[in-house]
Structures are given as structure tokens and as C-alpha cells.
Amino acid sequence: MAPGTLGAHEALEVHELLNFKTLCAAKSKLLQGLVFDQELKDLMEKDVQQSLRDISNLQSLYQKASFQTEIPEFRPTPILDKG
């Protein structure tokens, strides 16, 4: 493995963190519309902004993964039970 790259297990953990932070940001943004207390809304907005910064940092780290997977243009046809 080249220096400065992530191993497969490290890339997987960064990917899991990205998923978690994305979910946190979406939830905080969504729930802001249900909150009436301005202090809580401000706190939730701070959380969204911090999550967006964290996501950006994690994305740049994830680009150092030691593997790249291309998405195939044509996907296999699923096998359907015709019986």
C-alpha cells in the first residue's frame, strides 16, 4: 500500500462516519422546522454547519482510499422466478 493511502478497513470506517454525519445533518435540518424555541433552532443550525464541515473533511480523507470501484454501465438482469 502506498504511503498516505487508507487501507480497506480504514476506508470502510470513514464511509460509515460519512453516512452517520450525513444522517445527523439531515435530521437536524429537518427537525428545525418543528422547533419553536429560537435558542434550540440556533443550536441545531450550528450542528448542521459543523456536520457539513465534518462531511467535507471526511470526503477528502475518503479520496485516499487504496481502492477505486467503478460503477458498471450495464447492470446484470435480475433472475426472476417464472414458475
C-alpha atoms as a PDB file:
ATOM      1  CA  MET A   1       0.000   0.000   0.000  1.00  0.00           C
ATOM      2  CA  ALA A   2       1.320   3.419  -0.922  1.00  0.00           C
ATOM      3  CA  PRO A   3       2.088   5.853   1.885  1.00  0.00           C
ATOM      4  CA  GLY A   4      -0.726   8.282   2.589  1.00  0.00           C
ATOM      5  CA  THR A   5      -3.484   5.925   1.455  1.00  0.00           C
ATOM      6  CA  LEU A   6      -6.185   4.292   3.533  1.00  0.00           C
ATOM      7  CA  GLY A   7      -6.459   0.577   3.968  1.00  0.00           C
ATOM      8  CA  ALA A   8      -9.734  -1.151   3.170  1.00  0.00           C
ATOM      9  CA  HIS A   9     -10.838  -1.291   6.819  1.00  0.00           C
ATOM     10  CA  GLU A  10      -9.988   2.384   7.307  1.00  0.00           C
ATOM     11  CA  ALA A  11     -11.895   3.375   4.180  1.00  0.00           C
ATOM     12  CA  LEU A  12     -14.896   1.401   5.420  1.00  0.00           C
ATOM     13  CA  GLU A  13     -14.830   3.194   8.759  1.00  0.00           C
ATOM     14  CA  VAL A  14     -14.577   6.604   7.059  1.00  0.00           C
ATOM     15  CA  HIS A  15     -17.503   5.596   4.850  1.00  0.00           C
ATOM     16  CA  GLU A  16     -19.561   4.683   7.930  1.00  0.00           C
ATOM     17  CA  LEU A  17     -18.697   8.027   9.527  1.00  0.00           C
ATOM     18  CA  LEU A  18     -19.755   9.828   6.353  1.00  0.00           C
ATOM     19  CA  ASN A  19     -23.103   8.049   6.417  1.00  0.00           C
ATOM     20  CA  PHE A  20     -23.599   8.884  10.093  1.00  0.00           C
ATOM     21  CA  LYS A  21     -22.712  12.586   9.740  1.00  0.00           C
ATOM     22  CA  THR A  22     -24.941  12.897   6.663  1.00  0.00           C
ATOM     23  CA  LEU A  23     -27.840  11.413   8.592  1.00  0.00           C
ATOM     24  CA  CYS A  24     -27.186  13.725  11.555  1.00  0.00           C
ATOM     25  CA  ALA A  25     -27.126  16.807   9.331  1.00  0.00           C
ATOM     26  CA  ALA A  26     -30.334  15.806   7.552  1.00  0.00           C
ATOM     27  CA  LYS A  27     -32.123  15.090  10.823  1.00  0.00           C
ATOM     28  CA  SER A  28     -31.082  18.392  12.424  1.00  0.00           C
ATOM     29  CA  LYS A  29     -32.089  20.332   9.309  1.00  0.00           C
ATOM     30  CA  LEU A  30     -35.453  18.573   9.110  1.00  0.00           C
ATOM     31  CA  LEU A  31     -36.285  18.996  12.789  1.00  0.00           C
ATOM     32  CA  GLN A  32     -35.540  22.727  12.727  1.00  0.00           C
ATOM     33  CA  GLY A  33     -38.924  23.225  11.102  1.00  0.00           C
ATOM     34  CA  LEU A  34     -40.636  21.568  14.075  1.00  0.00           C
ATOM     35  CA  VAL A  35     -38.879  23.561  16.799  1.00  0.00           C
ATOM     36  CA  PHE A  36     -40.291  26.830  18.131  1.00  0.00           C
ATOM     37  CA  ASP A  37     -37.540  27.743  20.596  1.00  0.00           C
ATOM     38  CA  GLN A  38     -35.070  30.084  18.858  1.00  0.00           C
ATOM     39  CA  GLU A  39     -32.100  29.045  21.002  1.00  0.00           C
ATOM     40  CA  LEU A  40     -32.667  25.407  20.119  1.00  0.00           C
ATOM     41  CA  LYS A  41     -33.035  26.305  16.419  1.00  0.00           C
ATOM     42  CA  ASP A  42     -29.741  28.201  16.557  1.00  0.00           C
ATOM     43  CA  LEU A  43     -28.046  25.241  18.237  1.00  0.00           C
ATOM     44  CA  MET A  44     -29.428  22.877  15.601  1.00  0.00           C
ATOM     45  CA  GLU A  45     -28.200  25.185  12.819  1.00  0.00           C
ATOM     46  CA  LYS A  46     -24.724  25.171  14.398  1.00  0.00           C
ATOM     47  CA  ASP A  47     -24.900  21.372  14.381  1.00  0.00           C
ATOM     48  CA  VAL A  48     -25.815  21.364  10.679  1.00  0.00           C
ATOM     49  CA  GLN A  49     -22.941  23.705   9.802  1.00  0.00           C
ATOM     50  CA  GLN A  50     -20.443  21.639  11.828  1.00  0.00           C
ATOM     51  CA  SER A  51     -21.715  18.437  10.245  1.00  0.00           C
ATOM     52  CA  LEU A  52     -21.237  19.923   6.768  1.00  0.00           C
ATOM     53  CA  ARG A  53     -17.631  20.828   7.630  1.00  0.00           C
ATOM     54  CA  ASP A  54     -17.067  17.323   9.012  1.00  0.00           C
ATOM     55  CA  ILE A  55     -18.557  15.750   5.872  1.00  0.00           C
ATOM     56  CA  SER A  56     -16.245  17.823   3.686  1.00  0.00           C
ATOM     57  CA  ASN A  57     -13.211  16.750   5.722  1.00  0.00           C
ATOM     58  CA  LEU A  58     -14.253  13.100   5.661  1.00  0.00           C
ATOM     59  CA  GLN A  59     -14.809  13.217   1.893  1.00  0.00           C
ATOM     60  CA  SER A  60     -11.279  14.497   1.319  1.00  0.00           C
ATOM     61  CA  LEU A  61      -9.956  11.748   3.589  1.00  0.00           C
ATOM     62  CA  TYR A  62     -12.056   9.097   1.807  1.00  0.00           C
ATOM     63  CA  GLN A  63     -10.421  10.015  -1.512  1.00  0.00           C
ATOM     64  CA  LYS A  64      -7.222   8.488  -0.120  1.00  0.00           C
ATOM     65  CA  ALA A  65      -8.770   5.018  -0.152  1.00  0.00           C
ATOM     66  CA  SER A  66      -6.413   2.403  -1.538  1.00  0.00           C
ATOM     67  CA  PHE A  67      -9.039   1.082  -3.931  1.00  0.00           C
ATOM     68  CA  GLN A  68     -11.356   2.520  -6.529  1.00  0.00           C
ATOM     69  CA  THR A  69     -14.513   0.851  -7.744  1.00  0.00           C
ATOM     70  CA  GLU A  70     -16.157   1.817 -10.985  1.00  0.00           C
ATOM     71  CA  ILE A  71     -19.921   1.635 -11.390  1.00  0.00           C
ATOM     72  CA  PRO A  72     -20.681  -0.587 -14.348  1.00  0.00           C
ATOM     73  CA  GLU A  73     -22.607   0.992 -17.195  1.00  0.00           C
ATOM     74  CA  PHE A  74     -24.798  -2.070 -17.608  1.00  0.00           C
ATOM     75  CA  ARG A  75     -26.007  -3.953 -14.599  1.00  0.00           C
ATOM     76  CA  PRO A  76     -26.887  -7.634 -14.710  1.00  0.00           C
ATOM     77  CA  THR A  77     -30.501  -8.539 -15.300  1.00  0.00           C
ATOM     78  CA  PRO A  78     -32.057  -9.946 -12.112  1.00  0.00           C
ATOM     79  CA  ILE A  79     -33.188 -13.552 -12.176  1.00  0.00           C
ATOM     80  CA  LEU A  80     -36.959 -13.688 -11.766  1.00  0.00           C
ATOM     81  CA  ASP A  81     -38.870 -16.718 -10.662  1.00  0.00           C
ATOM     82  CA  LYS A  82     -41.022 -17.527 -13.690  1.00  0.00           C
ATOM     83  CA  GLY A  83     -42.513 -20.710 -12.249  1.00  0.00           C
END
